[in-house]
C-alpha atoms as a PDB file:
ATOM      1  CA  MET A   1      11.746  11.861 -33.513  1.00  0.00           C
ATOM      2  CA  ARG A   2      12.361  14.367 -31.127  1.00  0.00           C
ATOM      3  CA  PRO A   3      11.120  13.536 -27.376  1.00  0.00           C
ATOM      4  CA  ALA A   4       7.624  14.664 -26.485  1.00  0.00           C
ATOM      5  CA  VAL A   5       8.270  14.150 -22.752  1.00  0.00           C
ATOM      6  CA  ILE A   6      11.204  15.024 -20.632  1.00  0.00           C
ATOM      7  CA  ALA A   7      11.497  12.938 -17.458  1.00  0.00           C
ATOM      8  CA  ILE A   8      14.137  13.770 -14.804  1.00  0.00           C
ATOM      9  CA  PHE A   9      14.471  11.370 -12.282  1.00  0.00           C
ATOM     10  CA  GLY A  10      14.381  12.627  -9.141  1.00  0.00           C
ATOM     11  CA  PRO A  11       9.259  13.990  -6.544  1.00  0.00           C
ATOM     12  CA  THR A  12       4.864  15.124  -6.187  1.00  0.00           C
ATOM     13  CA  GLY A  13       1.805  15.432  -3.701  1.00  0.00           C
ATOM     14  CA  VAL A  14      -1.867  15.383  -2.952  1.00  0.00           C
ATOM     15  CA  GLY A  15      -4.183  16.410   0.041  1.00  0.00           C
ATOM     16  CA  ILE A  16      -2.707  15.557   3.345  1.00  0.00           C
ATOM     17  CA  ASP A  17      -5.658  13.550   4.148  1.00  0.00           C
ATOM     18  CA  ALA A  18      -5.979  11.756   0.920  1.00  0.00           C
ATOM     19  CA  ARG A  19      -5.250   7.891   0.358  1.00  0.00           C
ATOM     20  CA  PHE A  20      -3.453   7.510  -2.914  1.00  0.00           C
ATOM     21  CA  SER A  21      -2.232   4.805  -5.249  1.00  0.00           C
ATOM     22  CA  VAL A  22       0.033   4.307  -8.226  1.00  0.00           C
ATOM     23  CA  GLY A  23      -2.870   3.286 -10.033  1.00  0.00           C
ATOM     24  CA  GLU A  24      -4.718   6.628  -9.100  1.00  0.00           C
ATOM     25  CA  TYR A  25      -1.468   8.499  -9.777  1.00  0.00           C
ATOM     26  CA  ALA A  26      -1.192   6.932 -13.183  1.00  0.00           C
ATOM     27  CA  GLU A  27      -4.582   7.868 -14.358  1.00  0.00           C
ATOM     28  CA  LEU A  28      -4.208  11.410 -13.036  1.00  0.00           C
ATOM     29  CA  VAL A  29      -0.594  12.110 -14.483  1.00  0.00           C
ATOM     30  CA  HIS A  30      -1.285  10.301 -17.822  1.00  0.00           C
ATOM     31  CA  ALA A  31      -4.357  12.785 -18.569  1.00  0.00           C
ATOM     32  CA  GLU A  32      -2.080  15.783 -17.387  1.00  0.00           C
ATOM     33  CA  ILE A  33       0.747  14.705 -19.826  1.00  0.00           C
ATOM     34  CA  ASP A  34      -1.676  14.126 -22.686  1.00  0.00           C
ATOM     35  CA  GLY A  35      -3.586  17.400 -22.194  1.00  0.00           C
ATOM     36  CA  LEU A  36      -0.440  19.375 -22.347  1.00  0.00           C
ATOM     37  CA  LEU A  37       0.870  17.529 -25.657  1.00  0.00           C
ATOM     38  CA  ASP A  38      -2.751  18.438 -26.940  1.00  0.00           C
ATOM     39  CA  ALA A  39      -1.946  22.208 -26.229  1.00  0.00           C
ATOM     40  CA  GLY A  40       1.597  21.898 -28.205  1.00  0.00           C
ATOM     41  CA  ARG A  41       3.799  21.959 -24.914  1.00  0.00           C
ATOM     42  CA  ARG A  42       6.330  19.709 -23.731  1.00  0.00           C
ATOM     43  CA  PRO A  43       5.870  18.165 -20.282  1.00  0.00           C
ATOM     44  CA  ILE A  44       8.797  17.858 -17.998  1.00  0.00           C
ATOM     45  CA  VAL A  45       8.246  15.228 -15.601  1.00  0.00           C
ATOM     46  CA  VAL A  46      10.463  15.223 -12.418  1.00  0.00           C
ATOM     47  CA  GLY A  47      10.276  12.061 -10.542  1.00  0.00           C
ATOM     48  CA  GLY A  48      11.094  10.598  -7.001  1.00  0.00           C
ATOM     49  CA  THR A  49      10.245   6.812  -6.571  1.00  0.00           C
ATOM     50  CA  GLY A  50      10.894   4.834  -9.523  1.00  0.00           C
ATOM     51  CA  LEU A  51       7.517   2.964  -9.636  1.00  0.00           C
ATOM     52  CA  TYR A  52       5.664   6.380  -9.667  1.00  0.00           C
ATOM     53  CA  LEU A  53       8.337   7.692 -12.463  1.00  0.00           C
ATOM     54  CA  ARG A  54       7.619   4.574 -14.535  1.00  0.00           C
ATOM     55  CA  ALA A  55       4.011   4.758 -13.907  1.00  0.00           C
ATOM     56  CA  ALA A  56       3.951   8.264 -15.270  1.00  0.00           C
ATOM     57  CA  LEU A  57       5.434   7.289 -18.347  1.00  0.00           C
ATOM     58  CA  ALA A  58       4.475   3.913 -19.560  1.00  0.00           C
ATOM     59  CA  ASP A  59       1.248   1.989 -19.334  1.00  0.00           C
ATOM     60  CA  LEU A  60       1.861  -0.833 -16.592  1.00  0.00           C
ATOM     61  CA  ASP A  61      -0.474  -3.765 -15.818  1.00  0.00           C
ATOM     62  CA  LEU A  62      -1.147  -2.759 -12.195  1.00  0.00           C
ATOM     63  CA  ARG A  63      -2.460  -5.144  -9.422  1.00  0.00           C
ATOM     64  CA  PRO A  64      -5.934  -4.964  -8.642  1.00  0.00           C
ATOM     65  CA  PRO A  65      -6.866  -3.405  -5.080  1.00  0.00           C
ATOM     66  CA  PRO A  66      -6.805  -5.949  -2.219  1.00  0.00           C
ATOM     67  CA  PRO A  67      -9.717  -7.812  -1.015  1.00  0.00           C
ATOM     68  CA  PRO A  68     -11.836  -6.195   1.633  1.00  0.00           C
ATOM     69  CA  GLY A  69     -10.312  -6.331   5.277  1.00  0.00           C
ATOM     70  CA  ALA A  70      -6.729  -7.946   3.709  1.00  0.00           C
ATOM     71  CA  ARG A  71      -4.923  -4.364   4.122  1.00  0.00           C
ATOM     72  CA  GLU A  72      -6.337  -4.005   7.530  1.00  0.00           C
ATOM     73  CA  ARG A  73      -5.263  -7.498   8.736  1.00  0.00           C
ATOM     74  CA  TRP A  74      -1.606  -6.963   7.300  1.00  0.00           C
ATOM     75  CA  GLU A  75      -1.754  -3.464   8.689  1.00  0.00           C
ATOM     76  CA  ALA A  76      -2.309  -4.730  12.130  1.00  0.00           C
ATOM     77  CA  GLU A  77       0.268  -7.431  11.877  1.00  0.00           C
ATOM     78  CA  VAL A  78       2.755  -4.829  10.723  1.00  0.00           C
ATOM     79  CA  ALA A  79       2.152  -2.762  13.737  1.00  0.00           C
ATOM     80  CA  ALA A  80       2.506  -5.564  15.899  1.00  0.00           C
ATOM     81  CA  ARG A  81       5.388  -7.305  14.792  1.00  0.00           C
ATOM     82  CA  GLY A  82       7.116  -4.345  12.694  1.00  0.00           C
ATOM     83  CA  ALA A  83       8.075  -4.526   9.084  1.00  0.00           C
ATOM     84  CA  PRO A  84      11.155  -6.302   9.417  1.00  0.00           C
ATOM     85  CA  GLY A  85       9.043  -9.219  11.135  1.00  0.00           C
ATOM     86  CA  LEU A  86       6.569  -9.096   8.546  1.00  0.00           C
ATOM     87  CA  HIS A  87       9.427  -8.977   6.091  1.00  0.00           C
ATOM     88  CA  ALA A  88      10.397 -12.445   7.060  1.00  0.00           C
ATOM     89  CA  VAL A  89       6.842 -13.688   6.556  1.00  0.00           C
ATOM     90  CA  LEU A  90       7.419 -12.581   2.730  1.00  0.00           C
ATOM     91  CA  VAL A  91      10.679 -14.152   2.596  1.00  0.00           C
ATOM     92  CA  GLU A  92       9.070 -17.636   3.403  1.00  0.00           C
ATOM     93  CA  ARG A  93       5.981 -17.411   1.087  1.00  0.00           C
ATOM     94  CA  ALA A  94       7.588 -15.286  -1.912  1.00  0.00           C
ATOM     95  CA  PRO A  95      11.385 -14.999  -1.662  1.00  0.00           C
ATOM     96  CA  TRP A  96      11.470 -13.534  -5.035  1.00  0.00           C
ATOM     97  CA  ALA A  97       9.289 -10.697  -4.256  1.00  0.00           C
ATOM     98  CA  ALA A  98      10.910 -10.170  -0.522  1.00  0.00           C
ATOM     99  CA  GLU A  99      14.546  -9.616  -2.319  1.00  0.00           C
ATOM    100  CA  ALA A 100      13.013  -6.725  -4.216  1.00  0.00           C
ATOM    101  CA  ILE A 101      11.653  -5.163  -1.005  1.00  0.00           C
ATOM    102  CA  ASP A 102      13.669  -3.325   1.619  1.00  0.00           C
ATOM    103  CA  PRO A 103      12.866  -5.075   4.933  1.00  0.00           C
ATOM    104  CA  HIS A 104      11.642  -1.578   6.489  1.00  0.00           C
ATOM    105  CA  ASP A 105       9.356  -0.696   3.515  1.00  0.00           C
ATOM    106  CA  ARG A 106       6.048  -1.215   5.625  1.00  0.00           C
ATOM    107  CA  GLN A 107       3.856  -0.321   2.698  1.00  0.00           C
ATOM    108  CA  ARG A 108       5.106  -2.597  -0.082  1.00  0.00           C
ATOM    109  CA  ILE A 109       5.621  -5.339   2.301  1.00  0.00           C
ATOM    110  CA  VAL A 110       1.919  -5.131   3.398  1.00  0.00           C
ATOM    111  CA  ARG A 111       0.993  -4.887  -0.299  1.00  0.00           C
ATOM    112  CA  ALA A 112       2.778  -8.073  -1.265  1.00  0.00           C
ATOM    113  CA  LEU A 113       1.324  -9.893   1.240  1.00  0.00           C
ATOM    114  CA  GLU A 114      -2.232  -8.849   0.206  1.00  0.00           C
ATOM    115  CA  LEU A 115      -1.474 -10.045  -3.187  1.00  0.00           C
ATOM    116  CA  ALA A 116      -0.164 -13.240  -1.945  1.00  0.00           C
ATOM    117  CA  ASP A 117      -3.398 -13.684  -0.045  1.00  0.00           C
ATOM    118  CA  ALA A 118      -5.293 -12.846  -3.206  1.00  0.00           C
ATOM    119  CA  GLY A 119      -2.982 -15.274  -5.519  1.00  0.00           C
ATOM    120  CA  GLU A 120      -1.996 -12.399  -7.507  1.00  0.00           C
ATOM    121  CA  LEU A 121       1.888 -12.529  -6.469  1.00  0.00           C
ATOM    122  CA  GLU A 122       3.536 -14.454  -9.156  1.00  0.00           C
ATOM    123  CA  PRO A 123       7.395 -14.800  -9.880  1.00  0.00           C
ATOM    124  CA  PRO A 124       8.767 -12.006 -12.163  1.00  0.00           C
ATOM    125  CA  GLU A 125       8.629 -12.724 -16.070  1.00  0.00           C
ATOM    126  CA  ALA A 126      12.024 -12.619 -17.922  1.00  0.00           C
ATOM    127  CA  GLU A 127      11.345  -8.890 -18.668  1.00  0.00           C
ATOM    128  CA  SER A 128       9.478  -6.765 -15.959  1.00  0.00           C
ATOM    129  CA  GLN A 129       7.490  -3.933 -17.270  1.00  0.00           C
ATOM    130  CA  LEU A 130       9.502  -1.707 -14.979  1.00  0.00           C
ATOM    131  CA  TRP A 131      12.892  -2.155 -16.811  1.00  0.00           C
ATOM    132  CA  THR A 132      11.501  -1.909 -20.622  1.00  0.00           C
ATOM    133  CA  ALA A 133      12.443   0.895 -22.813  1.00  0.00           C
ATOM    134  CA  HIS A 134       8.355   1.248 -23.742  1.00  0.00           C
ATOM    135  CA  THR A 135       6.938   4.640 -23.293  1.00  0.00           C
ATOM    136  CA  ARG A 136       3.614   6.065 -24.215  1.00  0.00           C
ATOM    137  CA  HIS A 137       5.242   9.127 -25.502  1.00  0.00           C
ATOM    138  CA  PRO A 138       8.715   9.643 -27.140  1.00  0.00           C
ATOM    139  CA  THR A 139      10.582  10.442 -23.743  1.00  0.00           C
ATOM    140  CA  LEU A 140      14.130  11.786 -22.988  1.00  0.00           C
ATOM    141  CA  LEU A 141      15.063  10.106 -19.732  1.00  0.00           C
ATOM    142  CA  VAL A 142      17.484  11.716 -17.879  1.00  0.00           C
ATOM    143  CA  GLY A 143      19.032  10.476 -14.405  1.00  0.00           C
ATOM    144  CA  LEU A 144      21.143  12.901 -12.094  1.00  0.00           C
ATOM    145  CA  THR A 145      24.110  11.433 -10.307  1.00  0.00           C
ATOM    146  CA  LEU A 146      26.150  13.059  -7.734  1.00  0.00           C
ATOM    147  CA  ASP A 147      29.490  12.304  -5.533  1.00  0.00           C
ATOM    148  CA  ARG A 148      27.755  10.175  -2.880  1.00  0.00           C
ATOM    149  CA  VAL A 149      29.793  12.151  -0.024  1.00  0.00           C
ATOM    150  CA  GLU A 150      28.430  15.247  -1.510  1.00  0.00           C
ATOM    151  CA  LEU A 151      24.839  13.875  -1.978  1.00  0.00           C
ATOM    152  CA  TYR A 152      24.928  12.666   1.660  1.00  0.00           C
ATOM    153  CA  ALA A 153      25.947  16.150   2.620  1.00  0.00           C
ATOM    154  CA  ARG A 154      23.362  17.934   0.533  1.00  0.00           C
ATOM    155  CA  VAL A 155      20.462  15.273   2.152  1.00  0.00           C
ATOM    156  CA  ASP A 156      22.008  16.286   5.604  1.00  0.00           C
ATOM    157  CA  ALA A 157      21.803  20.004   4.947  1.00  0.00           C
ATOM    158  CA  ARG A 158      18.389  19.691   3.382  1.00  0.00           C
ATOM    159  CA  VAL A 159      16.859  18.094   6.383  1.00  0.00           C
ATOM    160  CA  ASP A 160      18.224  20.799   8.587  1.00  0.00           C
ATOM    161  CA  ALA A 161      16.926  23.299   6.450  1.00  0.00           C
ATOM    162  CA  MET A 162      13.607  22.047   6.493  1.00  0.00           C
ATOM    163  CA  LEU A 163      13.642  21.793  10.307  1.00  0.00           C
ATOM    164  CA  ALA A 164      14.471  25.250  10.199  1.00  0.00           C
ATOM    165  CA  ALA A 165      11.521  26.056   8.087  1.00  0.00           C
ATOM    166  CA  GLY A 166       8.911  24.472  10.447  1.00  0.00           C
ATOM    167  CA  ALA A 167       8.724  20.880   9.042  1.00  0.00           C
ATOM    168  CA  ARG A 168       8.360  19.482  12.510  1.00  0.00           C
ATOM    169  CA  GLU A 169       5.588  21.788  13.220  1.00  0.00           C
ATOM    170  CA  GLU A 170       3.938  21.196   9.819  1.00  0.00           C
ATOM    171  CA  VAL A 171       4.075  17.210  10.575  1.00  0.00           C
ATOM    172  CA  LEU A 172       2.421  17.841  14.065  1.00  0.00           C
ATOM    173  CA  ARG A 173      -0.472  19.921  12.441  1.00  0.00           C
ATOM    174  CA  ALA A 174      -1.033  17.129   9.907  1.00  0.00           C
ATOM    175  CA  HIS A 175      -0.916  14.543  12.371  1.00  0.00           C
ATOM    176  CA  ALA A 176      -3.446  16.598  14.701  1.00  0.00           C
ATOM    177  CA  ALA A 177      -5.570  17.063  11.548  1.00  0.00           C
ATOM    178  CA  GLY A 178      -5.968  13.178  10.730  1.00  0.00           C
ATOM    179  CA  ALA A 179      -3.318  12.605   8.056  1.00  0.00           C
ATOM    180  CA  SER A 180      -3.961   9.773   5.843  1.00  0.00           C
ATOM    181  CA  GLU A 181      -2.043   6.755   6.258  1.00  0.00           C
ATOM    182  CA  THR A 182      -0.444   7.554   2.658  1.00  0.00           C
ATOM    183  CA  ALA A 183       0.556  10.800   4.028  1.00  0.00           C
ATOM    184  CA  ARG A 184       1.910   9.240   7.119  1.00  0.00           C
ATOM    185  CA  LYS A 185       4.226   7.081   4.837  1.00  0.00           C
ATOM    186  CA  ALA A 186       6.052  10.191   3.263  1.00  0.00           C
ATOM    187  CA  LEU A 187       9.682  10.392   3.494  1.00  0.00           C
ATOM    188  CA  GLY A 188      10.271  11.730   7.183  1.00  0.00           C
ATOM    189  CA  PHE A 189       6.913  11.868   8.610  1.00  0.00           C
ATOM    190  CA  GLN A 190       7.022   9.206  11.417  1.00  0.00           C
ATOM    191  CA  GLU A 191      10.749  10.208  11.875  1.00  0.00           C
ATOM    192  CA  LEU A 192       9.768  13.794  12.738  1.00  0.00           C
ATOM    193  CA  LEU A 193       6.485  13.011  14.514  1.00  0.00           C
ATOM    194  CA  ALA A 194       8.960  11.135  16.776  1.00  0.00           C
ATOM    195  CA  GLY A 195      11.465  13.826  16.838  1.00  0.00           C
ATOM    196  CA  ASP A 196      14.321  11.827  15.409  1.00  0.00           C
ATOM    197  CA  VAL A 197      15.932  13.869  13.074  1.00  0.00           C
ATOM    198  CA  ASP A 198      18.985  11.637  12.589  1.00  0.00           C
ATOM    199  CA  ALA A 199      16.697   8.771  11.543  1.00  0.00           C
ATOM    200  CA  MET A 200      14.945  11.249   9.021  1.00  0.00           C
ATOM    201  CA  LYS A 201      18.367  12.115   7.703  1.00  0.00           C
ATOM    202  CA  ARG A 202      19.304   8.086   7.609  1.00  0.00           C
ATOM    203  CA  ARG A 203      16.329   7.030   5.716  1.00  0.00           C
ATOM    204  CA  THR A 204      16.583   9.893   3.168  1.00  0.00           C
ATOM    205  CA  ARG A 205      20.187   8.669   2.592  1.00  0.00           C
ATOM    206  CA  ASN A 206      18.885   5.207   2.003  1.00  0.00           C
ATOM    207  CA  PHE A 207      16.001   6.421  -0.451  1.00  0.00           C
ATOM    208  CA  ALA A 208      18.607   8.177  -2.443  1.00  0.00           C
ATOM    209  CA  LYS A 209      20.722   5.287  -2.691  1.00  0.00           C
ATOM    210  CA  ARG A 210      17.684   3.153  -3.811  1.00  0.00           C
ATOM    211  CA  GLN A 211      17.368   5.867  -6.385  1.00  0.00           C
ATOM    212  CA  HIS A 212      20.565   4.963  -7.843  1.00  0.00           C
ATOM    213  CA  THR A 213      19.776   1.397  -7.759  1.00  0.00           C
ATOM    214  CA  TRP A 214      16.562   2.143  -9.863  1.00  0.00           C
ATOM    215  CA  MET A 215      18.558   4.359 -12.284  1.00  0.00           C
ATOM    216  CA  ARG A 216      21.031   1.774 -13.084  1.00  0.00           C
ATOM    217  CA  LYS A 217      18.079  -0.598 -14.151  1.00  0.00           C
ATOM    218  CA  LEU A 218      16.338   2.033 -16.389  1.00  0.00           C
ATOM    219  CA  ALA A 219      16.450   1.444 -20.186  1.00  0.00           C
ATOM    220  CA  ASP A 220      17.447   4.139 -22.484  1.00  0.00           C
ATOM    221  CA  VAL A 221      18.356   6.538 -19.460  1.00  0.00           C
ATOM    222  CA  TRP A 222      21.103   9.559 -20.077  1.00  0.00           C
ATOM    223  CA  VAL A 223      22.924   9.626 -17.003  1.00  0.00           C
ATOM    224  CA  LEU A 224      24.429  13.117 -16.044  1.00  0.00           C
ATOM    225  CA  ASP A 225      27.029  13.234 -13.341  1.00  0.00           C
ATOM    226  CA  VAL A 226      26.063  16.967 -11.874  1.00  0.00           C
ATOM    227  CA  THR A 227      28.936  16.879  -9.207  1.00  0.00           C
ATOM    228  CA  GLY A 228      30.540  20.459  -9.154  1.00  0.00           C
ATOM    229  CA  ARG A 229      28.452  21.824 -11.751  1.00  0.00           C
ATOM    230  CA  GLY A 230      25.522  24.720 -11.386  1.00  0.00           C
ATOM    231  CA  ASP A 231      21.893  24.281 -11.930  1.00  0.00           C
ATOM    232  CA  GLU A 232      21.897  26.488 -15.185  1.00  0.00           C
ATOM    233  CA  ASP A 233      24.720  24.319 -16.388  1.00  0.00           C
ATOM    234  CA  VAL A 234      22.860  21.114 -16.045  1.00  0.00           C
ATOM    235  CA  ALA A 235      19.508  22.517 -17.248  1.00  0.00           C
ATOM    236  CA  ALA A 236      21.172  23.760 -20.695  1.00  0.00           C
ATOM    237  CA  GLU A 237      22.491  20.406 -21.272  1.00  0.00           C
ATOM    238  CA  ILE A 238      19.332  18.862 -20.755  1.00  0.00           C
ATOM    239  CA  GLU A 239      17.648  21.243 -22.853  1.00  0.00           C
ATOM    240  CA  GLU A 240      20.163  20.463 -25.582  1.00  0.00           C
ATOM    241  CA  LEU A 241      19.650  16.736 -25.454  1.00  0.00           C
ATOM    242  CA  ALA A 242      15.939  17.426 -25.788  1.00  0.00           C
ATOM    243  CA  ASN A 243      16.235  19.802 -28.943  1.00  0.00           C
ATOM    244  CA  THR A 244      18.762  17.542 -30.630  1.00  0.00           C
ATOM    245  CA  LEU A 245      18.258  13.973 -29.499  1.00  0.00           C
ATOM    246  CA  ARG A 246      16.701  11.576 -32.493  1.00  0.00           C
ATOM    247  CA  ARG A 247      14.919   8.126 -31.645  1.00  0.00           C
ATOM    248  CA  PRO A 248      14.538   5.654 -34.340  1.00  0.00           C
END
C-alpha cells in the first residue's frame, strides 16, 4: 500500500494568546488529515518537536489534565527555584522520567511533577507508544539530517535573519499584548524578550540536537542526508519514495 500521509520531521502555531496542549493539537490535526484524505488529497505533515509529530500521526494515550491548582503551584516553584532546581526534585521522585527531560525544559518538568502529584507518573512500559511503528494511516516518515557544523551555521544564520526581519520587535509586541504561557515557551521567545541573541542561538542548536535524538528512535523512518543537496533534489527524492514505496 502506498503511504497516504507524508510526514517530514522538521514546525505549527496557534494564536498568540492561546494556551495549547498536545491533546488539543492531536484532535485538530487528526481532523485535518482525515478531511484531506476523504477529499482524495495526500497530507504532508512537517514536524518540529517529536512528541507533536507523533501525536499527529498516531493515537496516543495522553495523560489527563492536572488537578485544579497543581500547575499554578509548580509554576510558582519553577519561577522561584529555576528549571534545574525543580528538575532535581523530579530526579528524586521519578528518576526514569527526569532522565528523559532536559533540565532546562520548564514545561515538561512542571507537567511531570503534576502527574506525579496525581499518581499518574509511572515507569515506562517495555515499548513506549512514542517509538512504535503504529500510525493512524499508512505513512512515509522522512527524517532529514545535515552535517552538524553546517546545521549549526544555518541555525545561527536563521536567527540573524529573523532578527533582521523584526523578530525581537514581534516578541515585544506579543509580550505587551498578553502572550499566553504556551506562546512564551516558544523557542527563542524568552531569550529575545531579554535581548539575549546568543542564548537564542544556543537554545535553538540544542533543540536541533534533540531532534536528531528523537529521529534515531523513530520506527520506520527514512533518513535522508541533505548535506550539500538542493531543496528541489531532496523534494524529488521524497516524492519518488512516496510514489514507489510499498508497505506490507
